[in-house]
C-alpha cells in the first residue's frame, strides 16, 4: 500500500498551536501549512479583535494560498480555542474547503474550555466525522500526558490506513471509540 498523503493545516496567533502542528507533522511525516491572516495584530487590540470575530463566527480573509485539500488522504486541522469557539481563520478555511479531503482529524489548543463542543462544531462544518481528535491544554503542553496523547493521536491516524482484519470474535467498536475520546484533555 502506498504511503498516505497527509496535510496538517492550522492557524496560530501566538505560536502555541504552531508548536503542536509541527510535532504532529513531523510524527505523521506530513506536509504542513499555516493559515495566515493580517487581521490580527500583535498585542491587546489584535487579541480582542480575534475574540470578537470568533464570538460572532465571523469569516476573515486568508492571506496565503493553501495546498489543495482534495490531493490528500487525510487533512489534520488545528485551531486555538477563542471565546469557546473555533478561531475565525480556521472557520473560514473549513467553510471554503467544503469539505474535499476523504478523511479528517482535528486538534486544538485551549486553556479551560471543554473541547468536545469545538470538535462537534468542526465536524458539523466539514460534514465529516474525524478519524480522531486531540485537545492540548496550554498548561499541560510539555507534560508526559500530552506526549502520550500526541502518540495516541498519531497512532489512530496511522492505523486508519491499515487493512481491517476480521476475527471470529466480536469487538465493541463503540467502547473503543469512547475510550479514545476520553484520552483528550
N, C-alpha and C. Protein backbone atom coordinates (compact mmCIF):
# COMPACT_ATOMS: atom_id res chain seq x y z
N UNK A 1 0.84 -1.17 0.00
CA UNK A 1 0.00 0.00 0.00
C UNK A 1 0.89 1.24 0.00
N UNK A 2 0.62 2.23 -0.87
CA UNK A 2 1.44 3.44 -0.90
C UNK A 2 1.24 4.27 0.37
N UNK A 3 2.27 5.03 0.70
CA UNK A 3 2.21 5.89 1.88
C UNK A 3 1.10 6.92 1.70
N UNK A 4 0.22 7.05 2.70
CA UNK A 4 -0.86 8.03 2.58
C UNK A 4 -0.33 9.46 2.59
N UNK A 5 -0.99 10.33 1.85
CA UNK A 5 -0.63 11.75 1.84
C UNK A 5 -1.43 12.45 2.93
N UNK A 6 -0.69 13.10 3.82
CA UNK A 6 -1.32 13.76 4.96
C UNK A 6 -0.90 15.22 4.97
N UNK A 7 -1.85 16.09 5.24
CA UNK A 7 -1.61 17.52 5.38
C UNK A 7 -2.03 17.96 6.78
N UNK A 8 -1.16 18.70 7.45
CA UNK A 8 -1.51 19.34 8.71
C UNK A 8 -1.68 20.82 8.39
N UNK A 9 -2.89 21.34 8.61
CA UNK A 9 -3.17 22.75 8.36
C UNK A 9 -3.70 23.36 9.65
N UNK A 10 -3.21 24.57 9.98
CA UNK A 10 -3.54 25.14 11.28
C UNK A 10 -3.45 26.66 11.23
N UNK A 11 -4.00 27.28 12.27
CA UNK A 11 -3.80 28.71 12.50
C UNK A 11 -3.25 28.87 13.90
N UNK A 12 -2.32 29.80 14.05
CA UNK A 12 -1.74 30.08 15.36
C UNK A 12 -1.42 31.56 15.46
N UNK A 13 -2.03 32.25 16.39
CA UNK A 13 -1.75 33.67 16.57
C UNK A 13 -0.54 33.86 17.48
N UNK A 14 -0.39 33.01 18.49
CA UNK A 14 0.67 33.18 19.49
C UNK A 14 1.82 32.18 19.34
N UNK A 15 1.64 31.16 18.53
CA UNK A 15 2.70 30.16 18.34
C UNK A 15 2.45 28.85 19.06
N UNK A 16 1.47 28.79 19.94
CA UNK A 16 1.22 27.57 20.70
C UNK A 16 0.65 26.47 19.81
N UNK A 17 -0.36 26.79 19.02
CA UNK A 17 -0.93 25.80 18.11
C UNK A 17 0.10 25.40 17.05
N UNK A 18 0.94 26.34 16.64
CA UNK A 18 2.02 26.05 15.69
C UNK A 18 2.96 24.97 16.25
N UNK A 19 3.29 25.08 17.54
CA UNK A 19 4.16 24.08 18.18
C UNK A 19 3.59 22.68 18.03
N UNK A 20 2.32 22.54 18.35
CA UNK A 20 1.65 21.24 18.27
C UNK A 20 1.60 20.76 16.82
N UNK A 21 1.27 21.66 15.90
CA UNK A 21 1.18 21.30 14.48
C UNK A 21 2.52 20.78 13.96
N UNK A 22 3.61 21.42 14.34
CA UNK A 22 4.93 20.97 13.87
C UNK A 22 5.28 19.58 14.39
N UNK A 23 4.94 19.31 15.64
CA UNK A 23 5.19 17.98 16.20
C UNK A 23 4.36 16.94 15.45
N UNK A 24 3.08 17.24 15.22
CA UNK A 24 2.22 16.29 14.51
C UNK A 24 2.70 16.04 13.08
N UNK A 25 3.07 17.11 12.38
CA UNK A 25 3.56 16.96 11.00
C UNK A 25 4.81 16.10 10.97
N UNK A 26 5.70 16.31 11.91
CA UNK A 26 6.93 15.52 11.98
C UNK A 26 6.61 14.04 12.24
N UNK A 27 5.76 13.79 13.23
CA UNK A 27 5.41 12.42 13.60
C UNK A 27 4.64 11.69 12.49
N UNK A 28 3.81 12.42 11.77
CA UNK A 28 3.00 11.83 10.70
C UNK A 28 3.71 11.83 9.34
N UNK A 29 4.88 12.47 9.28
CA UNK A 29 5.60 12.66 8.02
C UNK A 29 4.66 13.34 7.01
N UNK A 30 4.05 14.42 7.48
CA UNK A 30 3.02 15.10 6.71
C UNK A 30 3.51 16.44 6.18
N UNK A 31 2.84 16.92 5.15
CA UNK A 31 3.04 18.30 4.71
C UNK A 31 2.38 19.20 5.76
N UNK A 32 2.84 20.43 5.85
CA UNK A 32 2.29 21.35 6.84
C UNK A 32 2.03 22.70 6.19
N UNK A 33 0.92 23.32 6.57
CA UNK A 33 0.56 24.64 6.03
C UNK A 33 -0.09 25.47 7.14
N UNK A 34 0.39 26.69 7.28
CA UNK A 34 -0.17 27.61 8.26
C UNK A 34 -1.14 28.56 7.57
N UNK A 35 -2.32 28.70 8.14
CA UNK A 35 -3.29 29.68 7.66
C UNK A 35 -2.82 31.04 8.17
N UNK A 36 -2.70 32.00 7.27
CA UNK A 36 -2.22 33.32 7.68
C UNK A 36 -3.27 34.39 7.37
N UNK A 37 -3.37 35.33 8.29
CA UNK A 37 -4.23 36.49 8.10
C UNK A 37 -3.55 37.69 8.73
N UNK A 38 -3.66 38.82 8.09
CA UNK A 38 -3.07 40.05 8.65
C UNK A 38 -4.08 40.78 9.53
N UNK A 39 -5.24 40.20 9.73
CA UNK A 39 -6.31 40.85 10.51
C UNK A 39 -5.93 41.05 11.98
N UNK A 40 -5.16 40.14 12.54
CA UNK A 40 -4.87 40.18 13.97
C UNK A 40 -3.45 40.65 14.23
N UNK A 41 -3.33 41.87 14.68
CA UNK A 41 -2.03 42.45 15.01
C UNK A 41 -1.59 41.94 16.38
N UNK A 42 -0.28 41.97 16.65
CA UNK A 42 0.19 41.60 17.99
C UNK A 42 -0.39 42.56 19.04
N UNK A 43 -0.49 42.10 20.24
CA UNK A 43 -0.94 42.94 21.33
C UNK A 43 -2.41 42.78 21.66
N UNK A 44 -2.86 43.62 22.57
CA UNK A 44 -4.23 43.52 23.09
C UNK A 44 -5.30 43.77 22.04
N UNK A 45 -5.08 44.75 21.20
CA UNK A 45 -6.09 45.06 20.19
C UNK A 45 -6.33 43.85 19.27
N UNK A 46 -5.25 43.21 18.83
CA UNK A 46 -5.38 42.01 18.00
C UNK A 46 -6.06 40.88 18.74
N UNK A 47 -5.73 40.75 20.02
CA UNK A 47 -6.33 39.72 20.86
C UNK A 47 -7.85 39.92 20.95
N UNK A 48 -8.27 41.14 21.27
CA UNK A 48 -9.70 41.41 21.40
C UNK A 48 -10.43 41.31 20.06
N UNK A 49 -9.77 41.69 18.98
CA UNK A 49 -10.38 41.55 17.65
C UNK A 49 -10.61 40.07 17.34
N UNK A 50 -9.63 39.23 17.68
CA UNK A 50 -9.75 37.79 17.46
C UNK A 50 -10.90 37.19 18.26
N UNK A 51 -11.02 37.59 19.52
CA UNK A 51 -12.12 37.09 20.36
C UNK A 51 -13.47 37.54 19.81
N UNK A 52 -13.56 38.78 19.40
CA UNK A 52 -14.81 39.34 18.86
C UNK A 52 -15.23 38.58 17.59
N UNK A 53 -14.28 38.41 16.67
CA UNK A 53 -14.58 37.70 15.42
C UNK A 53 -15.03 36.27 15.69
N UNK A 54 -14.36 35.62 16.63
CA UNK A 54 -14.69 34.24 16.95
C UNK A 54 -16.07 34.14 17.60
N UNK A 55 -16.37 35.06 18.49
CA UNK A 55 -17.68 35.08 19.15
C UNK A 55 -18.80 35.23 18.13
N UNK A 56 -18.57 36.03 17.09
CA UNK A 56 -19.57 36.27 16.05
C UNK A 56 -19.52 35.24 14.92
N UNK A 57 -18.61 34.26 15.03
CA UNK A 57 -18.39 33.26 13.96
C UNK A 57 -18.13 33.94 12.63
N UNK A 58 -17.33 34.97 12.68
CA UNK A 58 -17.07 35.81 11.51
C UNK A 58 -16.01 35.21 10.59
N UNK A 59 -16.26 35.27 9.29
CA UNK A 59 -15.25 34.88 8.30
C UNK A 59 -14.21 36.00 8.21
N UNK A 60 -12.97 35.62 8.06
CA UNK A 60 -11.89 36.61 7.93
C UNK A 60 -11.06 36.29 6.69
N UNK A 61 -10.37 37.28 6.15
CA UNK A 61 -9.57 36.99 4.95
C UNK A 61 -8.37 36.10 5.29
N UNK A 62 -8.12 35.15 4.40
CA UNK A 62 -6.91 34.32 4.50
C UNK A 62 -5.93 34.88 3.48
N UNK A 63 -4.74 35.24 3.95
CA UNK A 63 -3.78 35.96 3.12
C UNK A 63 -2.90 35.07 2.25
N UNK A 64 -2.81 33.80 2.57
CA UNK A 64 -1.91 32.94 1.81
C UNK A 64 -2.67 31.83 1.09
N UNK A 65 -2.04 31.31 0.06
CA UNK A 65 -2.61 30.19 -0.69
C UNK A 65 -2.24 28.90 0.03
N UNK A 66 -3.21 28.06 0.23
CA UNK A 66 -3.00 26.80 0.95
C UNK A 66 -3.09 25.63 -0.02
N UNK A 67 -2.44 24.52 0.33
CA UNK A 67 -2.49 23.35 -0.56
C UNK A 67 -3.93 22.87 -0.79
N UNK A 68 -4.14 22.25 -1.93
CA UNK A 68 -5.44 21.70 -2.30
C UNK A 68 -5.73 20.48 -1.43
N UNK A 69 -6.70 20.60 -0.54
CA UNK A 69 -7.02 19.54 0.41
C UNK A 69 -7.47 18.25 -0.28
N UNK A 70 -8.02 18.36 -1.47
CA UNK A 70 -8.52 17.17 -2.16
C UNK A 70 -7.38 16.26 -2.64
N UNK A 71 -6.16 16.75 -2.61
CA UNK A 71 -4.99 15.96 -3.03
C UNK A 71 -4.44 15.09 -1.90
N UNK A 72 -5.06 15.16 -0.74
CA UNK A 72 -4.57 14.44 0.44
C UNK A 72 -5.56 13.38 0.89
N UNK A 73 -5.02 12.31 1.48
CA UNK A 73 -5.85 11.25 2.03
C UNK A 73 -6.48 11.67 3.36
N UNK A 74 -5.71 12.45 4.13
CA UNK A 74 -6.18 12.95 5.42
C UNK A 74 -5.71 14.39 5.56
N UNK A 75 -6.59 15.24 6.07
CA UNK A 75 -6.20 16.59 6.45
C UNK A 75 -6.43 16.73 7.95
N UNK A 76 -5.35 17.04 8.65
CA UNK A 76 -5.38 17.25 10.09
C UNK A 76 -5.51 18.76 10.30
N UNK A 77 -6.56 19.19 10.98
CA UNK A 77 -6.86 20.61 11.11
C UNK A 77 -6.74 21.04 12.56
N UNK A 78 -5.96 22.11 12.79
CA UNK A 78 -5.73 22.57 14.14
C UNK A 78 -6.15 24.01 14.36
N UNK A 79 -6.70 24.26 15.54
CA UNK A 79 -7.16 25.61 15.88
C UNK A 79 -6.93 25.90 17.36
N UNK A 80 -6.62 27.14 17.68
CA UNK A 80 -6.71 27.53 19.08
C UNK A 80 -8.20 27.74 19.41
N UNK A 81 -8.55 27.64 20.66
CA UNK A 81 -9.92 27.91 21.08
C UNK A 81 -9.98 29.36 21.53
N UNK A 82 -10.86 30.12 20.89
CA UNK A 82 -11.06 31.53 21.22
C UNK A 82 -12.51 31.72 21.62
N UNK A 83 -12.71 32.30 22.78
CA UNK A 83 -14.07 32.62 23.22
C UNK A 83 -14.98 31.39 23.09
N UNK A 84 -14.46 30.25 23.51
CA UNK A 84 -15.18 28.97 23.47
C UNK A 84 -15.62 28.57 22.07
N UNK A 85 -14.83 28.93 21.06
CA UNK A 85 -15.18 28.62 19.68
C UNK A 85 -13.92 28.38 18.84
N UNK A 86 -14.14 27.94 17.62
CA UNK A 86 -13.06 27.77 16.63
C UNK A 86 -12.52 29.15 16.29
N UNK A 87 -11.23 29.26 16.07
CA UNK A 87 -10.68 30.54 15.62
C UNK A 87 -11.28 30.89 14.26
N UNK A 88 -11.50 32.17 14.04
CA UNK A 88 -12.13 32.62 12.78
C UNK A 88 -11.35 32.21 11.53
N UNK A 89 -10.01 32.27 11.52
CA UNK A 89 -9.30 31.82 10.32
C UNK A 89 -9.54 30.34 9.99
N UNK A 90 -9.60 29.49 11.01
CA UNK A 90 -9.86 28.07 10.76
C UNK A 90 -11.31 27.89 10.31
N UNK A 91 -12.24 28.62 10.91
CA UNK A 91 -13.63 28.55 10.46
C UNK A 91 -13.73 28.92 8.98
N UNK A 92 -13.05 29.99 8.58
CA UNK A 92 -13.05 30.43 7.18
C UNK A 92 -12.49 29.33 6.28
N UNK A 93 -11.38 28.72 6.71
CA UNK A 93 -10.77 27.62 5.94
C UNK A 93 -11.75 26.46 5.79
N UNK A 94 -12.38 26.05 6.89
CA UNK A 94 -13.33 24.93 6.84
C UNK A 94 -14.50 25.25 5.92
N UNK A 95 -15.00 26.47 5.98
CA UNK A 95 -16.10 26.88 5.10
C UNK A 95 -15.71 26.85 3.63
N UNK A 96 -14.49 27.28 3.32
CA UNK A 96 -14.04 27.35 1.92
C UNK A 96 -13.70 25.99 1.34
N UNK A 97 -13.13 25.12 2.16
CA UNK A 97 -12.69 23.82 1.66
C UNK A 97 -13.89 22.96 1.32
N UNK A 98 -14.90 23.06 2.08
CA UNK A 98 -16.16 22.46 1.65
C UNK A 98 -16.66 21.23 2.31
N UNK A 99 -16.18 20.18 2.07
CA UNK A 99 -15.01 19.54 2.54
C UNK A 99 -14.54 18.47 1.59
N UNK A 100 -13.40 18.71 1.00
CA UNK A 100 -12.93 17.86 -0.08
C UNK A 100 -12.05 16.68 0.32
N UNK A 101 -11.29 16.70 1.40
CA UNK A 101 -10.48 15.51 1.66
C UNK A 101 -11.35 14.33 2.06
N UNK A 102 -10.83 13.15 1.82
CA UNK A 102 -11.58 11.94 2.14
C UNK A 102 -11.78 11.82 3.65
N UNK A 103 -10.74 12.14 4.43
CA UNK A 103 -10.82 11.98 5.87
C UNK A 103 -10.16 13.16 6.58
N UNK A 104 -10.63 13.40 7.80
CA UNK A 104 -10.09 14.50 8.60
C UNK A 104 -9.77 14.01 10.01
N UNK A 105 -8.91 14.77 10.67
CA UNK A 105 -8.65 14.63 12.10
C UNK A 105 -8.52 16.05 12.62
N UNK A 106 -8.91 16.26 13.88
CA UNK A 106 -8.90 17.61 14.44
C UNK A 106 -8.02 17.68 15.68
N UNK A 107 -7.36 18.82 15.87
CA UNK A 107 -6.69 19.09 17.13
C UNK A 107 -6.92 20.54 17.50
N UNK A 108 -6.82 20.80 18.80
CA UNK A 108 -6.97 22.17 19.28
C UNK A 108 -6.10 22.40 20.50
N UNK A 109 -5.83 23.68 20.74
CA UNK A 109 -5.14 24.09 21.96
C UNK A 109 -6.10 24.98 22.73
N UNK A 110 -6.10 24.82 24.05
CA UNK A 110 -7.07 25.56 24.86
C UNK A 110 -6.54 25.79 26.26
N UNK A 111 -7.21 26.68 26.99
CA UNK A 111 -6.87 26.92 28.40
C UNK A 111 -7.82 26.16 29.31
N UNK A 112 -9.10 26.47 29.26
CA UNK A 112 -10.04 25.83 30.19
C UNK A 112 -11.31 25.34 29.53
N UNK A 113 -11.53 25.65 28.28
CA UNK A 113 -12.78 25.31 27.63
C UNK A 113 -12.93 23.80 27.41
N UNK A 114 -14.15 23.37 27.31
CA UNK A 114 -14.44 21.97 27.03
C UNK A 114 -14.29 21.71 25.53
N UNK A 115 -13.36 20.88 25.12
CA UNK A 115 -13.05 20.72 23.70
C UNK A 115 -14.08 19.96 22.89
N UNK A 116 -14.88 19.10 23.48
CA UNK A 116 -15.79 18.27 22.69
C UNK A 116 -16.78 19.11 21.89
N UNK A 117 -17.23 20.23 22.45
CA UNK A 117 -18.15 21.10 21.72
C UNK A 117 -17.47 21.68 20.48
N UNK A 118 -16.20 22.02 20.60
CA UNK A 118 -15.44 22.57 19.46
C UNK A 118 -15.29 21.50 18.39
N UNK A 119 -14.97 20.28 18.80
CA UNK A 119 -14.84 19.20 17.83
C UNK A 119 -16.16 18.93 17.10
N UNK A 120 -17.27 18.98 17.84
CA UNK A 120 -18.58 18.78 17.19
C UNK A 120 -18.85 19.90 16.18
N UNK A 121 -18.46 21.13 16.53
CA UNK A 121 -18.64 22.26 15.62
C UNK A 121 -17.80 22.07 14.35
N UNK A 122 -16.57 21.60 14.50
CA UNK A 122 -15.71 21.35 13.33
C UNK A 122 -16.30 20.23 12.47
N UNK A 123 -16.81 19.20 13.14
CA UNK A 123 -17.43 18.09 12.41
C UNK A 123 -18.66 18.58 11.64
N UNK A 124 -19.44 19.44 12.26
CA UNK A 124 -20.64 19.98 11.60
C UNK A 124 -20.27 20.80 10.36
N UNK A 125 -19.26 21.65 10.48
CA UNK A 125 -18.85 22.49 9.35
C UNK A 125 -18.32 21.65 8.20
N UNK A 126 -17.50 20.65 8.52
CA UNK A 126 -16.90 19.82 7.47
C UNK A 126 -17.85 18.76 6.93
N UNK A 127 -18.82 18.36 7.74
CA UNK A 127 -19.68 17.26 7.35
C UNK A 127 -18.97 15.92 7.42
N UNK A 128 -17.84 15.88 8.14
CA UNK A 128 -17.04 14.66 8.25
C UNK A 128 -16.80 14.32 9.71
N UNK A 129 -16.93 13.03 10.03
CA UNK A 129 -16.52 12.56 11.36
C UNK A 129 -15.01 12.40 11.35
N UNK A 130 -14.34 12.93 12.35
CA UNK A 130 -12.89 12.82 12.36
C UNK A 130 -12.42 11.40 12.68
N UNK A 131 -11.27 11.06 12.14
CA UNK A 131 -10.63 9.78 12.49
C UNK A 131 -10.37 9.78 13.99
N UNK A 132 -9.86 10.91 14.47
CA UNK A 132 -9.52 11.06 15.89
C UNK A 132 -9.43 12.55 16.20
N UNK A 133 -9.35 12.86 17.48
CA UNK A 133 -9.23 14.25 17.91
C UNK A 133 -8.16 14.34 19.00
N UNK A 134 -7.62 15.54 19.14
CA UNK A 134 -6.61 15.78 20.17
C UNK A 134 -6.83 17.17 20.74
N UNK A 135 -6.99 17.26 22.04
CA UNK A 135 -7.10 18.54 22.74
C UNK A 135 -5.89 18.70 23.62
N UNK A 136 -5.17 19.79 23.45
CA UNK A 136 -3.96 20.04 24.23
C UNK A 136 -4.19 21.26 25.11
N UNK A 137 -4.17 21.04 26.40
CA UNK A 137 -4.28 22.14 27.34
C UNK A 137 -2.96 22.91 27.34
N UNK A 138 -3.06 24.22 27.24
CA UNK A 138 -1.85 25.04 27.20
C UNK A 138 -1.02 24.84 28.46
N UNK A 139 -1.67 24.66 29.60
CA UNK A 139 -0.96 24.44 30.85
C UNK A 139 -0.20 23.12 30.89
N UNK A 140 -0.63 22.14 30.12
CA UNK A 140 -0.01 20.81 30.12
C UNK A 140 0.79 20.55 28.85
N UNK A 141 1.15 21.60 28.14
CA UNK A 141 1.76 21.46 26.82
C UNK A 141 3.00 20.58 26.80
N UNK A 142 3.82 20.66 27.79
CA UNK A 142 5.07 19.90 27.78
C UNK A 142 5.07 18.70 28.73
N UNK A 143 3.91 18.24 29.12
CA UNK A 143 3.83 17.14 30.06
C UNK A 143 3.84 15.78 29.40
N UNK A 144 4.09 14.76 30.23
CA UNK A 144 4.11 13.38 29.74
C UNK A 144 2.74 12.97 29.20
N UNK A 145 1.68 13.41 29.86
CA UNK A 145 0.34 13.08 29.42
C UNK A 145 0.09 13.61 28.01
N UNK A 146 0.56 14.82 27.72
CA UNK A 146 0.42 15.38 26.37
C UNK A 146 1.18 14.56 25.36
N UNK A 147 2.40 14.15 25.69
CA UNK A 147 3.18 13.30 24.78
C UNK A 147 2.46 12.01 24.48
N UNK A 148 1.84 11.41 25.49
CA UNK A 148 1.09 10.16 25.29
C UNK A 148 -0.12 10.40 24.40
N UNK A 149 -0.79 11.52 24.58
CA UNK A 149 -1.97 11.82 23.76
C UNK A 149 -1.58 12.09 22.31
N UNK A 150 -0.47 12.78 22.11
CA UNK A 150 0.02 13.02 20.75
C UNK A 150 0.35 11.68 20.09
N UNK A 151 1.03 10.82 20.81
CA UNK A 151 1.39 9.50 20.27
C UNK A 151 0.13 8.70 19.93
N UNK A 152 -0.88 8.76 20.77
CA UNK A 152 -2.13 8.05 20.51
C UNK A 152 -2.85 8.64 19.28
N UNK A 153 -2.86 9.95 19.16
CA UNK A 153 -3.47 10.63 18.02
C UNK A 153 -2.80 10.20 16.72
N UNK A 154 -1.48 10.21 16.71
CA UNK A 154 -0.71 9.80 15.53
C UNK A 154 -0.99 8.33 15.21
N UNK A 155 -1.03 7.49 16.23
CA UNK A 155 -1.30 6.06 16.04
C UNK A 155 -2.70 5.85 15.45
N UNK A 156 -3.68 6.59 15.94
CA UNK A 156 -5.04 6.45 15.41
C UNK A 156 -5.09 6.77 13.93
N UNK A 157 -4.40 7.82 13.52
CA UNK A 157 -4.38 8.19 12.10
C UNK A 157 -3.65 7.14 11.28
N UNK A 158 -2.50 6.72 11.76
CA UNK A 158 -1.70 5.72 11.05
C UNK A 158 -2.46 4.41 10.90
N UNK A 159 -3.08 3.96 11.97
CA UNK A 159 -3.82 2.69 11.92
C UNK A 159 -5.06 2.76 11.04
N UNK A 160 -5.56 3.96 10.81
CA UNK A 160 -6.76 4.08 9.97
C UNK A 160 -6.47 3.66 8.52
N UNK A 161 -5.20 3.55 8.16
CA UNK A 161 -4.83 3.14 6.81
C UNK A 161 -4.51 1.66 6.70
N UNK A 162 -4.44 0.98 7.84
CA UNK A 162 -4.15 -0.44 7.82
C UNK A 162 -5.38 -1.20 7.35
N UNK A 163 -5.17 -2.29 6.59
CA UNK A 163 -6.33 -3.10 6.18
C UNK A 163 -7.00 -3.68 7.42
N UNK A 164 -8.29 -3.70 7.39
CA UNK A 164 -9.03 -4.24 8.54
C UNK A 164 -8.94 -5.76 8.54
N UNK A 165 -8.71 -6.30 9.71
CA UNK A 165 -8.67 -7.75 9.87
C UNK A 165 -9.92 -8.19 10.59
N UNK A 166 -10.55 -9.16 10.04
CA UNK A 166 -11.78 -9.66 10.65
C UNK A 166 -11.46 -10.91 11.45
N UNK A 167 -11.97 -10.94 12.66
CA UNK A 167 -11.75 -12.10 13.53
C UNK A 167 -13.10 -12.72 13.85
N UNK A 168 -13.03 -13.90 14.43
CA UNK A 168 -14.27 -14.61 14.73
C UNK A 168 -14.98 -14.06 15.96
N UNK A 169 -14.27 -13.33 16.81
CA UNK A 169 -14.94 -12.77 17.98
C UNK A 169 -15.41 -11.34 17.69
N UNK A 170 -16.43 -10.92 18.41
CA UNK A 170 -17.00 -9.59 18.20
C UNK A 170 -16.23 -8.57 19.03
N UNK A 171 -16.02 -7.40 18.45
CA UNK A 171 -15.38 -6.31 19.19
C UNK A 171 -16.39 -5.18 19.33
N UNK A 172 -16.34 -4.53 20.45
CA UNK A 172 -17.24 -3.41 20.69
C UNK A 172 -16.58 -2.13 20.22
N UNK A 173 -16.85 -1.73 18.98
CA UNK A 173 -16.25 -0.53 18.40
C UNK A 173 -16.67 0.73 19.15
N UNK A 174 -17.89 0.76 19.66
CA UNK A 174 -18.38 1.94 20.36
C UNK A 174 -17.55 2.21 21.59
N UNK A 175 -17.28 1.16 22.40
CA UNK A 175 -16.48 1.36 23.60
C UNK A 175 -15.07 1.82 23.27
N UNK A 176 -14.48 1.25 22.22
CA UNK A 176 -13.13 1.65 21.86
C UNK A 176 -13.11 3.11 21.41
N UNK A 177 -14.15 3.56 20.69
CA UNK A 177 -14.21 4.96 20.27
C UNK A 177 -14.44 5.86 21.47
N UNK A 178 -15.24 5.40 22.44
CA UNK A 178 -15.49 6.19 23.64
C UNK A 178 -14.21 6.33 24.44
N UNK A 179 -13.48 5.25 24.61
CA UNK A 179 -12.22 5.32 25.32
C UNK A 179 -11.26 6.26 24.62
N UNK A 180 -11.22 6.20 23.30
CA UNK A 180 -10.33 7.06 22.54
C UNK A 180 -10.65 8.53 22.81
N UNK A 181 -11.93 8.87 22.82
CA UNK A 181 -12.27 10.26 23.04
C UNK A 181 -12.03 10.68 24.49
N UNK A 182 -12.01 9.74 25.41
CA UNK A 182 -11.74 10.07 26.80
C UNK A 182 -10.27 10.39 27.06
N UNK A 183 -9.40 10.11 26.12
CA UNK A 183 -7.97 10.39 26.29
C UNK A 183 -7.64 11.86 26.18
N UNK A 184 -8.55 12.65 25.70
CA UNK A 184 -8.26 14.06 25.43
C UNK A 184 -8.34 14.89 26.69
N UNK A 185 -7.60 15.98 26.67
CA UNK A 185 -7.58 16.91 27.81
C UNK A 185 -8.93 17.57 27.94
